[in-house]
Amino acid sequence: PEVEPQDSNELTMKSTDTWYVVDREGR
């Protein structure tokens, strides 16, 4: 569920986007 943090100082992330591939057997 969406949770709004109470802190300020919001940062924009640019280097943590990731991807991975799982095959039919789950590897």
mmCIF file of all heavy atoms, coordinates in Angstrom:
data_MODEL
# 
_entry.id   MODEL 
# 
loop_
_atom_site.group_PDB 
_atom_site.id 
_atom_site.type_symbol 
_atom_site.label_atom_id 
_atom_site.label_alt_id 
_atom_site.label_comp_id 
_atom_site.label_asym_id 
_atom_site.label_entity_id 
_atom_site.label_seq_id 
_atom_site.pdbx_PDB_ins_code 
_atom_site.Cartn_x 
_atom_site.Cartn_y 
_atom_site.Cartn_z 
_atom_site.occupancy 
_atom_site.B_iso_or_equiv 
_atom_site.pdbx_formal_charge 
_atom_site.auth_seq_id 
_atom_site.auth_comp_id 
_atom_site.auth_asym_id 
_atom_site.auth_atom_id 
_atom_site.pdbx_PDB_model_num 
ATOM 1   N N   . PRO A 1 1  ? 0.840  -1.191  0.000   1.00 0.00 ? 1  PRO A N   1 
ATOM 2   C CA  . PRO A 1 1  ? 0.000  0.000   0.000   1.00 0.00 ? 1  PRO A CA  1 
ATOM 3   C C   . PRO A 1 1  ? 0.878  1.244   0.000   1.00 0.00 ? 1  PRO A C   1 
ATOM 4   O O   . PRO A 1 1  ? 1.972  1.221   0.541   1.00 0.00 ? 1  PRO A O   1 
ATOM 5   C CB  . PRO A 1 1  ? -0.780 -0.117  1.317   1.00 0.00 ? 1  PRO A CB  1 
ATOM 6   C CG  . PRO A 1 1  ? -0.693 -1.545  1.698   1.00 0.00 ? 1  PRO A CG  1 
ATOM 7   C CD  . PRO A 1 1  ? 0.623  -2.035  1.166   1.00 0.00 ? 1  PRO A CD  1 
ATOM 8   N N   . GLU A 1 2  ? 0.391  2.307   -0.600  1.00 0.00 ? 2  GLU A N   1 
ATOM 9   C CA  . GLU A 1 2  ? 1.165  3.543   -0.620  1.00 0.00 ? 2  GLU A CA  1 
ATOM 10  C C   . GLU A 1 2  ? 1.315  4.082   0.803   1.00 0.00 ? 2  GLU A C   1 
ATOM 11  O O   . GLU A 1 2  ? 0.355  4.199   1.543   1.00 0.00 ? 2  GLU A O   1 
ATOM 12  C CB  . GLU A 1 2  ? 0.480  4.586   -1.498  1.00 0.00 ? 2  GLU A CB  1 
ATOM 13  C CG  . GLU A 1 2  ? 0.520  4.238   -2.980  1.00 0.00 ? 2  GLU A CG  1 
ATOM 14  C CD  . GLU A 1 2  ? 1.925  4.238   -3.529  1.00 0.00 ? 2  GLU A CD  1 
ATOM 15  O OE1 . GLU A 1 2  ? 2.752  5.016   -3.034  1.00 0.00 ? 2  GLU A OE1 1 
ATOM 16  O OE2 . GLU A 1 2  ? 2.187  3.455   -4.446  1.00 0.00 ? 2  GLU A OE2 1 
ATOM 17  N N   . VAL A 1 3  ? 2.525  4.394   1.181   1.00 0.00 ? 3  VAL A N   1 
ATOM 18  C CA  . VAL A 1 3  ? 2.813  4.950   2.497   1.00 0.00 ? 3  VAL A CA  1 
ATOM 19  C C   . VAL A 1 3  ? 3.594  6.229   2.290   1.00 0.00 ? 3  VAL A C   1 
ATOM 20  O O   . VAL A 1 3  ? 4.652  6.214   1.679   1.00 0.00 ? 3  VAL A O   1 
ATOM 21  C CB  . VAL A 1 3  ? 3.649  3.965   3.355   1.00 0.00 ? 3  VAL A CB  1 
ATOM 22  C CG1 . VAL A 1 3  ? 3.972  4.593   4.688   1.00 0.00 ? 3  VAL A CG1 1 
ATOM 23  C CG2 . VAL A 1 3  ? 2.913  2.649   3.540   1.00 0.00 ? 3  VAL A CG2 1 
ATOM 24  N N   . GLU A 1 4  ? 3.073  7.307   2.762   1.00 0.00 ? 4  GLU A N   1 
ATOM 25  C CA  . GLU A 1 4  ? 3.757  8.587   2.585   1.00 0.00 ? 4  GLU A CA  1 
ATOM 26  C C   . GLU A 1 4  ? 4.734  8.813   3.731   1.00 0.00 ? 4  GLU A C   1 
ATOM 27  O O   . GLU A 1 4  ? 4.330  8.968   4.877   1.00 0.00 ? 4  GLU A O   1 
ATOM 28  C CB  . GLU A 1 4  ? 2.737  9.736   2.548   1.00 0.00 ? 4  GLU A CB  1 
ATOM 29  C CG  . GLU A 1 4  ? 1.852  9.708   1.310   1.00 0.00 ? 4  GLU A CG  1 
ATOM 30  C CD  . GLU A 1 4  ? 2.665  9.846   0.037   1.00 0.00 ? 4  GLU A CD  1 
ATOM 31  O OE1 . GLU A 1 4  ? 3.718  10.505  0.080   1.00 0.00 ? 4  GLU A OE1 1 
ATOM 32  O OE2 . GLU A 1 4  ? 2.249  9.312   -0.995  1.00 0.00 ? 4  GLU A OE2 1 
ATOM 33  N N   . PRO A 1 5  ? 6.059  8.796   3.467   1.00 0.00 ? 5  PRO A N   1 
ATOM 34  C CA  . PRO A 1 5  ? 7.024  9.055   4.530   1.00 0.00 ? 5  PRO A CA  1 
ATOM 35  C C   . PRO A 1 5  ? 6.857  10.450  5.090   1.00 0.00 ? 5  PRO A C   1 
ATOM 36  O O   . PRO A 1 5  ? 6.390  11.358  4.409   1.00 0.00 ? 5  PRO A O   1 
ATOM 37  C CB  . PRO A 1 5  ? 8.372  8.891   3.816   1.00 0.00 ? 5  PRO A CB  1 
ATOM 38  C CG  . PRO A 1 5  ? 8.065  8.115   2.571   1.00 0.00 ? 5  PRO A CG  1 
ATOM 39  C CD  . PRO A 1 5  ? 6.668  8.506   2.196   1.00 0.00 ? 5  PRO A CD  1 
ATOM 40  N N   . GLN A 1 6  ? 7.269  10.632  6.331   1.00 0.00 ? 6  GLN A N   1 
ATOM 41  C CA  . GLN A 1 6  ? 7.095  11.911  6.983   1.00 0.00 ? 6  GLN A CA  1 
ATOM 42  C C   . GLN A 1 6  ? 8.343  12.767  6.911   1.00 0.00 ? 6  GLN A C   1 
ATOM 43  O O   . GLN A 1 6  ? 8.359  13.885  7.352   1.00 0.00 ? 6  GLN A O   1 
ATOM 44  C CB  . GLN A 1 6  ? 6.715  11.687  8.453   1.00 0.00 ? 6  GLN A CB  1 
ATOM 45  C CG  . GLN A 1 6  ? 5.636  10.660  8.578   1.00 0.00 ? 6  GLN A CG  1 
ATOM 46  C CD  . GLN A 1 6  ? 4.680  10.931  9.690   1.00 0.00 ? 6  GLN A CD  1 
ATOM 47  O OE1 . GLN A 1 6  ? 4.963  11.729  10.566  1.00 0.00 ? 6  GLN A OE1 1 
ATOM 48  N NE2 . GLN A 1 6  ? 3.558  10.274  9.645   1.00 0.00 ? 6  GLN A NE2 1 
ATOM 49  N N   . ASP A 1 7  ? 9.421  12.185  6.354   1.00 0.00 ? 7  ASP A N   1 
ATOM 50  C CA  . ASP A 1 7  ? 10.640 12.962  6.233   1.00 0.00 ? 7  ASP A CA  1 
ATOM 51  C C   . ASP A 1 7  ? 10.559 13.883  5.022   1.00 0.00 ? 7  ASP A C   1 
ATOM 52  O O   . ASP A 1 7  ? 9.764  13.697  4.135   1.00 0.00 ? 7  ASP A O   1 
ATOM 53  C CB  . ASP A 1 7  ? 11.850 12.037  6.038   1.00 0.00 ? 7  ASP A CB  1 
ATOM 54  C CG  . ASP A 1 7  ? 11.905 10.963  7.114   1.00 0.00 ? 7  ASP A CG  1 
ATOM 55  O OD1 . ASP A 1 7  ? 11.016 10.107  7.110   1.00 0.00 ? 7  ASP A OD1 1 
ATOM 56  O OD2 . ASP A 1 7  ? 12.823 11.005  7.920   1.00 0.00 ? 7  ASP A OD2 1 
ATOM 57  N N   . SER A 1 8  ? 11.446 14.865  4.979   1.00 0.00 ? 8  SER A N   1 
ATOM 58  C CA  . SER A 1 8  ? 11.584 15.685  3.785   1.00 0.00 ? 8  SER A CA  1 
ATOM 59  C C   . SER A 1 8  ? 12.837 15.218  3.058   1.00 0.00 ? 8  SER A C   1 
ATOM 60  O O   . SER A 1 8  ? 13.211 14.071  3.147   1.00 0.00 ? 8  SER A O   1 
ATOM 61  C CB  . SER A 1 8  ? 11.656 17.161  4.168   1.00 0.00 ? 8  SER A CB  1 
ATOM 62  O OG  . SER A 1 8  ? 12.657 17.361  5.118   1.00 0.00 ? 8  SER A OG  1 
ATOM 63  N N   . ASN A 1 9  ? 13.493 16.102  2.351   1.00 0.00 ? 9  ASN A N   1 
ATOM 64  C CA  . ASN A 1 9  ? 14.747 15.781  1.666   1.00 0.00 ? 9  ASN A CA  1 
ATOM 65  C C   . ASN A 1 9  ? 14.585 14.630  0.675   1.00 0.00 ? 9  ASN A C   1 
ATOM 66  O O   . ASN A 1 9  ? 15.316 13.658  0.703   1.00 0.00 ? 9  ASN A O   1 
ATOM 67  C CB  . ASN A 1 9  ? 15.862 15.416  2.676   1.00 0.00 ? 9  ASN A CB  1 
ATOM 68  C CG  . ASN A 1 9  ? 16.120 16.526  3.638   1.00 0.00 ? 9  ASN A CG  1 
ATOM 69  O OD1 . ASN A 1 9  ? 16.021 17.684  3.300   1.00 0.00 ? 9  ASN A OD1 1 
ATOM 70  N ND2 . ASN A 1 9  ? 16.443 16.168  4.879   1.00 0.00 ? 9  ASN A ND2 1 
ATOM 71  N N   . GLU A 1 10 ? 13.582 14.740  -0.205  1.00 0.00 ? 10 GLU A N   1 
ATOM 72  C CA  . GLU A 1 10 ? 13.372 13.682  -1.188  1.00 0.00 ? 10 GLU A CA  1 
ATOM 73  C C   . GLU A 1 10 ? 14.458 13.750  -2.256  1.00 0.00 ? 10 GLU A C   1 
ATOM 74  O O   . GLU A 1 10 ? 14.802 14.801  -2.753  1.00 0.00 ? 10 GLU A O   1 
ATOM 75  C CB  . GLU A 1 10 ? 11.986 13.820  -1.823  1.00 0.00 ? 10 GLU A CB  1 
ATOM 76  C CG  . GLU A 1 10 ? 11.645 12.663  -2.731  1.00 0.00 ? 10 GLU A CG  1 
ATOM 77  C CD  . GLU A 1 10 ? 10.161 12.539  -2.965  1.00 0.00 ? 10 GLU A CD  1 
ATOM 78  O OE1 . GLU A 1 10 ? 9.385  13.174  -2.232  1.00 0.00 ? 10 GLU A OE1 1 
ATOM 79  O OE2 . GLU A 1 10 ? 9.790  11.809  -3.888  1.00 0.00 ? 10 GLU A OE2 1 
ATOM 80  N N   . LEU A 1 11 ? 15.018 12.589  -2.574  1.00 0.00 ? 11 LEU A N   1 
ATOM 81  C CA  . LEU A 1 11 ? 16.106 12.505  -3.538  1.00 0.00 ? 11 LEU A CA  1 
ATOM 82  C C   . LEU A 1 11 ? 15.639 11.751  -4.775  1.00 0.00 ? 11 LEU A C   1 
ATOM 83  O O   . LEU A 1 11 ? 14.762 10.910  -4.708  1.00 0.00 ? 11 LEU A O   1 
ATOM 84  C CB  . LEU A 1 11 ? 17.304 11.749  -2.928  1.00 0.00 ? 11 LEU A CB  1 
ATOM 85  C CG  . LEU A 1 11 ? 17.842 12.310  -1.613  1.00 0.00 ? 11 LEU A CG  1 
ATOM 86  C CD1 . LEU A 1 11 ? 18.946 11.405  -1.100  1.00 0.00 ? 11 LEU A CD1 1 
ATOM 87  C CD2 . LEU A 1 11 ? 18.371 13.717  -1.805  1.00 0.00 ? 11 LEU A CD2 1 
ATOM 88  N N   . THR A 1 12 ? 16.235 12.038  -5.899  1.00 0.00 ? 12 THR A N   1 
ATOM 89  C CA  . THR A 1 12 ? 15.945 11.289  -7.113  1.00 0.00 ? 12 THR A CA  1 
ATOM 90  C C   . THR A 1 12 ? 17.039 10.259  -7.334  1.00 0.00 ? 12 THR A C   1 
ATOM 91  O O   . THR A 1 12 ? 18.208 10.592  -7.390  1.00 0.00 ? 12 THR A O   1 
ATOM 92  C CB  . THR A 1 12 ? 15.880 12.228  -8.331  1.00 0.00 ? 12 THR A CB  1 
ATOM 93  O OG1 . THR A 1 12 ? 14.859 13.191  -8.103  1.00 0.00 ? 12 THR A OG1 1 
ATOM 94  C CG2 . THR A 1 12 ? 15.563 11.435  -9.590  1.00 0.00 ? 12 THR A CG2 1 
ATOM 95  N N   . MET A 1 13 ? 16.645 8.976   -7.468  1.00 0.00 ? 13 MET A N   1 
ATOM 96  C CA  . MET A 1 13 ? 17.602 7.892   -7.658  1.00 0.00 ? 13 MET A CA  1 
ATOM 97  C C   . MET A 1 13 ? 17.804 7.668   -9.157  1.00 0.00 ? 13 MET A C   1 
ATOM 98  O O   . MET A 1 13 ? 16.858 7.656   -9.914  1.00 0.00 ? 13 MET A O   1 
ATOM 99  C CB  . MET A 1 13 ? 17.073 6.623   -7.005  1.00 0.00 ? 13 MET A CB  1 
ATOM 100 C CG  . MET A 1 13 ? 16.863 6.735   -5.507  1.00 0.00 ? 13 MET A CG  1 
ATOM 101 S SD  . MET A 1 13 ? 18.403 6.673   -4.594  1.00 0.00 ? 13 MET A SD  1 
ATOM 102 C CE  . MET A 1 13 ? 18.827 4.952   -4.828  1.00 0.00 ? 13 MET A CE  1 
ATOM 103 N N   . LYS A 1 14 ? 19.046 7.460   -9.571  1.00 0.00 ? 14 LYS A N   1 
ATOM 104 C CA  . LYS A 1 14 ? 19.309 7.247   -10.990 1.00 0.00 ? 14 LYS A CA  1 
ATOM 105 C C   . LYS A 1 14 ? 20.127 5.989   -11.246 1.00 0.00 ? 14 LYS A C   1 
ATOM 106 O O   . LYS A 1 14 ? 20.239 5.562   -12.389 1.00 0.00 ? 14 LYS A O   1 
ATOM 107 C CB  . LYS A 1 14 ? 20.040 8.458   -11.573 1.00 0.00 ? 14 LYS A CB  1 
ATOM 108 C CG  . LYS A 1 14 ? 19.209 9.739   -11.556 1.00 0.00 ? 14 LYS A CG  1 
ATOM 109 C CD  . LYS A 1 14 ? 19.964 10.877  -12.196 1.00 0.00 ? 14 LYS A CD  1 
ATOM 110 C CE  . LYS A 1 14 ? 19.126 12.144  -12.208 1.00 0.00 ? 14 LYS A CE  1 
ATOM 111 N NZ  . LYS A 1 14 ? 19.843 13.286  -12.812 1.00 0.00 ? 14 LYS A NZ  1 
ATOM 112 N N   . SER A 1 15 ? 20.703 5.399   -10.207 1.00 0.00 ? 15 SER A N   1 
ATOM 113 C CA  . SER A 1 15 ? 21.649 4.308   -10.436 1.00 0.00 ? 15 SER A CA  1 
ATOM 114 C C   . SER A 1 15 ? 21.205 2.976   -9.856  1.00 0.00 ? 15 SER A C   1 
ATOM 115 O O   . SER A 1 15 ? 21.967 2.027   -9.865  1.00 0.00 ? 15 SER A O   1 
ATOM 116 C CB  . SER A 1 15 ? 23.016 4.670   -9.835  1.00 0.00 ? 15 SER A CB  1 
ATOM 117 O OG  . SER A 1 15 ? 22.900 4.861   -8.439  1.00 0.00 ? 15 SER A OG  1 
ATOM 118 N N   . THR A 1 16 ? 19.987 2.882   -9.344  1.00 0.00 ? 16 THR A N   1 
ATOM 119 C CA  . THR A 1 16 ? 19.576 1.640   -8.704  1.00 0.00 ? 16 THR A CA  1 
ATOM 120 C C   . THR A 1 16 ? 18.500 0.879   -9.481  1.00 0.00 ? 16 THR A C   1 
ATOM 121 O O   . THR A 1 16 ? 17.967 -0.105  -8.982  1.00 0.00 ? 16 THR A O   1 
ATOM 122 C CB  . THR A 1 16 ? 19.057 1.905   -7.281  1.00 0.00 ? 16 THR A CB  1 
ATOM 123 O OG1 . THR A 1 16 ? 17.995 2.854   -7.347  1.00 0.00 ? 16 THR A OG1 1 
ATOM 124 C CG2 . THR A 1 16 ? 20.152 2.407   -6.386  1.00 0.00 ? 16 THR A CG2 1 
ATOM 125 N N   . ASP A 1 17 ? 18.156 1.324   -10.684 1.00 0.00 ? 17 ASP A N   1 
ATOM 126 C CA  . ASP A 1 17 ? 17.231 0.547   -11.489 1.00 0.00 ? 17 ASP A CA  1 
ATOM 127 C C   . ASP A 1 17 ? 17.912 -0.765  -11.890 1.00 0.00 ? 17 ASP A C   1 
ATOM 128 O O   . ASP A 1 17 ? 19.068 -0.771  -12.313 1.00 0.00 ? 17 ASP A O   1 
ATOM 129 C CB  . ASP A 1 17 ? 16.837 1.321   -12.743 1.00 0.00 ? 17 ASP A CB  1 
ATOM 130 C CG  . ASP A 1 17 ? 16.056 2.589   -12.409 1.00 0.00 ? 17 ASP A CG  1 
ATOM 131 O OD1 . ASP A 1 17 ? 15.718 2.782   -11.230 1.00 0.00 ? 17 ASP A OD1 1 
ATOM 132 O OD2 . ASP A 1 17 ? 15.793 3.387   -13.334 1.00 0.00 ? 17 ASP A OD2 1 
ATOM 133 N N   . THR A 1 18 ? 17.185 -1.857  -11.757 1.00 0.00 ? 18 THR A N   1 
ATOM 134 C CA  . THR A 1 18 ? 17.776 -3.161  -12.012 1.00 0.00 ? 18 THR A CA  1 
ATOM 135 C C   . THR A 1 18 ? 16.850 -4.010  -12.872 1.00 0.00 ? 18 THR A C   1 
ATOM 136 O O   . THR A 1 18 ? 15.668 -3.708  -13.029 1.00 0.00 ? 18 THR A O   1 
ATOM 137 C CB  . THR A 1 18 ? 18.034 -3.924  -10.698 1.00 0.00 ? 18 THR A CB  1 
ATOM 138 O OG1 . THR A 1 18 ? 16.775 -4.262  -10.078 1.00 0.00 ? 18 THR A OG1 1 
ATOM 139 C CG2 . THR A 1 18 ? 18.863 -3.106  -9.725  1.00 0.00 ? 18 THR A CG2 1 
ATOM 140 N N   . TRP A 1 19 ? 17.388 -5.092  -13.414 1.00 0.00 ? 19 TRP A N   1 
ATOM 141 C CA  . TRP A 1 19 ? 16.568 -6.093  -14.078 1.00 0.00 ? 19 TRP A CA  1 
ATOM 142 C C   . TRP A 1 19 ? 17.205 -7.456  -13.893 1.00 0.00 ? 19 TRP A C   1 
ATOM 143 O O   . TRP A 1 19 ? 18.409 -7.575  -13.665 1.00 0.00 ? 19 TRP A O   1 
ATOM 144 C CB  . TRP A 1 19 ? 16.389 -5.779  -15.571 1.00 0.00 ? 19 TRP A CB  1 
ATOM 145 C CG  . TRP A 1 19 ? 17.655 -5.707  -16.385 1.00 0.00 ? 19 TRP A CG  1 
ATOM 146 C CD1 . TRP A 1 19 ? 18.361 -4.592  -16.709 1.00 0.00 ? 19 TRP A CD1 1 
ATOM 147 C CD2 . TRP A 1 19 ? 18.366 -6.813  -16.971 1.00 0.00 ? 19 TRP A CD2 1 
ATOM 148 N NE1 . TRP A 1 19 ? 19.464 -4.916  -17.454 1.00 0.00 ? 19 TRP A NE1 1 
ATOM 149 C CE2 . TRP A 1 19 ? 19.490 -6.275  -17.642 1.00 0.00 ? 19 TRP A CE2 1 
ATOM 150 C CE3 . TRP A 1 19 ? 18.167 -8.192  -16.998 1.00 0.00 ? 19 TRP A CE3 1 
ATOM 151 C CZ2 . TRP A 1 19 ? 20.417 -7.081  -18.320 1.00 0.00 ? 19 TRP A CZ2 1 
ATOM 152 C CZ3 . TRP A 1 19 ? 19.074 -8.998  -17.684 1.00 0.00 ? 19 TRP A CZ3 1 
ATOM 153 C CH2 . TRP A 1 19 ? 20.181 -8.441  -18.337 1.00 0.00 ? 19 TRP A CH2 1 
ATOM 154 N N   . TYR A 1 20 ? 16.354 -8.477  -13.938 1.00 0.00 ? 20 TYR A N   1 
ATOM 155 C CA  . TYR A 1 20 ? 16.859 -9.846  -13.953 1.00 0.00 ? 20 TYR A CA  1 
ATOM 156 C C   . TYR A 1 20 ? 15.869 -10.726 -14.695 1.00 0.00 ? 20 TYR A C   1 
ATOM 157 O O   . TYR A 1 20 ? 14.711 -10.370 -14.885 1.00 0.00 ? 20 TYR A O   1 
ATOM 158 C CB  . TYR A 1 20 ? 17.145 -10.374 -12.548 1.00 0.00 ? 20 TYR A CB  1 
ATOM 159 C CG  . TYR A 1 20 ? 15.998 -10.415 -11.569 1.00 0.00 ? 20 TYR A CG  1 
ATOM 160 C CD1 . TYR A 1 20 ? 15.375 -11.620 -11.251 1.00 0.00 ? 20 TYR A CD1 1 
ATOM 161 C CD2 . TYR A 1 20 ? 15.567 -9.262  -10.914 1.00 0.00 ? 20 TYR A CD2 1 
ATOM 162 C CE1 . TYR A 1 20 ? 14.344 -11.672 -10.319 1.00 0.00 ? 20 TYR A CE1 1 
ATOM 163 C CE2 . TYR A 1 20 ? 14.543 -9.304  -9.987  1.00 0.00 ? 20 TYR A CE2 1 
ATOM 164 C CZ  . TYR A 1 20 ? 13.932 -10.514 -9.689  1.00 0.00 ? 20 TYR A CZ  1 
ATOM 165 O OH  . TYR A 1 20 ? 12.919 -10.559 -8.772  1.00 0.00 ? 20 TYR A OH  1 
ATOM 166 N N   . VAL A 1 21 ? 16.367 -11.870 -15.170 1.00 0.00 ? 21 VAL A N   1 
ATOM 167 C CA  . VAL A 1 21 ? 15.564 -12.793 -15.961 1.00 0.00 ? 21 VAL A CA  1 
ATOM 168 C C   . VAL A 1 21 ? 15.501 -14.131 -15.241 1.00 0.00 ? 21 VAL A C   1 
ATOM 169 O O   . VAL A 1 21 ? 16.527 -14.648 -14.768 1.00 0.00 ? 21 VAL A O   1 
ATOM 170 C CB  . VAL A 1 21 ? 16.147 -12.981 -17.376 1.00 0.00 ? 21 VAL A CB  1 
ATOM 171 C CG1 . VAL A 1 21 ? 15.348 -14.029 -18.155 1.00 0.00 ? 21 VAL A CG1 1 
ATOM 172 C CG2 . VAL A 1 21 ? 16.161 -11.651 -18.126 1.00 0.00 ? 21 VAL A CG2 1 
ATOM 173 N N   . VAL A 1 22 ? 14.289 -14.680 -15.148 1.00 0.00 ? 22 VAL A N   1 
ATOM 174 C CA  . VAL A 1 22 ? 14.051 -15.994 -14.546 1.00 0.00 ? 22 VAL A CA  1 
ATOM 175 C C   . VAL A 1 22 ? 13.533 -16.920 -15.633 1.00 0.00 ? 22 VAL A C   1 
ATOM 176 O O   . VAL A 1 22 ? 12.584 -16.576 -16.355 1.00 0.00 ? 22 VAL A O   1 
ATOM 177 C CB  . VAL A 1 22 ? 13.019 -15.886 -13.401 1.00 0.00 ? 22 VAL A CB  1 
ATOM 178 C CG1 . VAL A 1 22 ? 12.664 -17.266 -12.856 1.00 0.00 ? 22 VAL A CG1 1 
ATOM 179 C CG2 . VAL A 1 22 ? 13.553 -14.997 -12.288 1.00 0.00 ? 22 VAL A CG2 1 
ATOM 180 N N   . ASP A 1 23 ? 14.127 -18.107 -15.781 1.00 0.00 ? 23 ASP A N   1 
ATOM 181 C CA  . ASP A 1 23 ? 13.683 -19.013 -16.834 1.00 0.00 ? 23 ASP A CA  1 
ATOM 182 C C   . ASP A 1 23 ? 12.497 -19.856 -16.368 1.00 0.00 ? 23 ASP A C   1 
ATOM 183 O O   . ASP A 1 23 ? 11.997 -19.691 -15.249 1.00 0.00 ? 23 ASP A O   1 
ATOM 184 C CB  . ASP A 1 23 ? 14.843 -19.894 -17.326 1.00 0.00 ? 23 ASP A CB  1 
ATOM 185 C CG  . ASP A 1 23 ? 15.347 -20.898 -16.292 1.00 0.00 ? 23 ASP A CG  1 
ATOM 186 O OD1 . ASP A 1 23 ? 14.659 -21.118 -15.265 1.00 0.00 ? 23 ASP A OD1 1 
ATOM 187 O OD2 . ASP A 1 23 ? 16.437 -21.473 -16.514 1.00 0.00 ? 23 ASP A OD2 1 
ATOM 188 N N   . ARG A 1 24 ? 12.023 -20.760 -17.227 1.00 0.00 ? 24 ARG A N   1 
ATOM 189 C CA  . ARG A 1 24 ? 10.837 -21.556 -16.919 1.00 0.00 ? 24 ARG A CA  1 
ATOM 190 C C   . ARG A 1 24 ? 11.020 -22.403 -15.665 1.00 0.00 ? 24 ARG A C   1 
ATOM 191 O O   . ARG A 1 24 ? 10.066 -22.679 -14.938 1.00 0.00 ? 24 ARG A O   1 
ATOM 192 C CB  . ARG A 1 24 ? 10.496 -22.468 -18.107 1.00 0.00 ? 24 ARG A CB  1 
ATOM 193 C CG  . ARG A 1 24 ? 9.224  -23.281 -17.921 1.00 0.00 ? 24 ARG A CG  1 
ATOM 194 C CD  . ARG A 1 24 ? 8.954  -24.156 -19.120 1.00 0.00 ? 24 ARG A CD  1 
ATOM 195 N NE  . ARG A 1 24 ? 8.613  -23.382 -20.301 1.00 0.00 ? 24 ARG A NE  1 
ATOM 196 C CZ  . ARG A 1 24 ? 7.398  -22.914 -20.553 1.00 0.00 ? 24 ARG A CZ  1 
ATOM 197 N NH1 . ARG A 1 24 ? 6.412  -23.137 -19.692 1.00 0.00 ? 24 ARG A NH1 1 
ATOM 198 N NH2 . ARG A 1 24 ? 7.166  -22.227 -21.648 1.00 0.00 ? 24 ARG A NH2 1 
ATOM 199 N N   . GLU A 1 25 ? 12.243 -22.822 -15.400 1.00 0.00 ? 25 GLU A N   1 
ATOM 200 C CA  . GLU A 1 25 ? 12.522 -23.638 -14.217 1.00 0.00 ? 25 GLU A CA  1 
ATOM 201 C C   . GLU A 1 25 ? 12.739 -22.802 -12.963 1.00 0.00 ? 25 GLU A C   1 
ATOM 202 O O   . GLU A 1 25 ? 12.974 -23.348 -11.886 1.00 0.00 ? 25 GLU A O   1 
ATOM 203 C CB  . GLU A 1 25 ? 13.764 -24.522 -14.468 1.00 0.00 ? 25 GLU A CB  1 
ATOM 204 C CG  . GLU A 1 25 ? 13.523 -25.695 -15.396 1.00 0.00 ? 25 GLU A CG  1 
ATOM 205 C CD  . GLU A 1 25 ? 13.301 -25.250 -16.837 1.00 0.00 ? 25 GLU A CD  1 
ATOM 206 O OE1 . GLU A 1 25 ? 14.072 -24.352 -17.289 1.00 0.00 ? 25 GLU A OE1 1 
ATOM 207 O OE2 . GLU A 1 25 ? 12.373 -25.753 -17.492 1.00 0.00 ? 25 GLU A OE2 1 
ATOM 208 N N   . GLY A 1 26 ? 12.675 -21.478 -13.095 1.00 0.00 ? 26 GLY A N   1 
ATOM 209 C CA  . GLY A 1 26 ? 12.823 -20.613 -11.937 1.00 0.00 ? 26 GLY A CA  1 
ATOM 210 C C   . GLY A 1 26 ? 14.251 -20.217 -11.629 1.00 0.00 ? 26 GLY A C   1 
ATOM 211 O O   . GLY A 1 26 ? 14.525 -19.678 -10.550 1.00 0.00 ? 26 GLY A O   1 
ATOM 212 N N   . ARG A 1 27 ? 15.168 -20.446 -12.564 1.00 0.00 ? 27 ARG A N   1 
ATOM 213 C CA  . ARG A 1 27 ? 16.562 -20.066 -12.336 1.00 0.00 ? 27 ARG A CA  1 
ATOM 214 C C   . ARG A 1 27 ? 16.839 -18.661 -12.873 1.00 0.00 ? 27 ARG A C   1 
ATOM 215 O O   . ARG A 1 27 ? 16.332 -18.271 -13.923 1.00 0.00 ? 27 ARG A O   1 
ATOM 216 C CB  . ARG A 1 27 ? 17.516 -21.066 -12.997 1.00 0.00 ? 27 ARG A CB  1 
ATOM 217 C CG  . ARG A 1 27 ? 17.441 -22.448 -12.375 1.00 0.00 ? 27 ARG A CG  1 
ATOM 218 C CD  . ARG A 1 27 ? 18.579 -23.358 -12.812 1.00 0.00 ? 27 ARG A CD  1 
ATOM 219 N NE  . ARG A 1 27 ? 18.449 -24.658 -12.178 1.00 0.00 ? 27 ARG A NE  1 
ATOM 220 C CZ  . ARG A 1 27 ? 18.860 -24.938 -10.942 1.00 0.00 ? 27 ARG A CZ  1 
ATOM 221 N NH1 . ARG A 1 27 ? 19.456 -24.000 -10.217 1.00 0.00 ? 27 ARG A NH1 1 
ATOM 222 N NH2 . ARG A 1 27 ? 18.678 -26.141 -10.431 1.00 0.00 ? 27 ARG A NH2 1 
# 
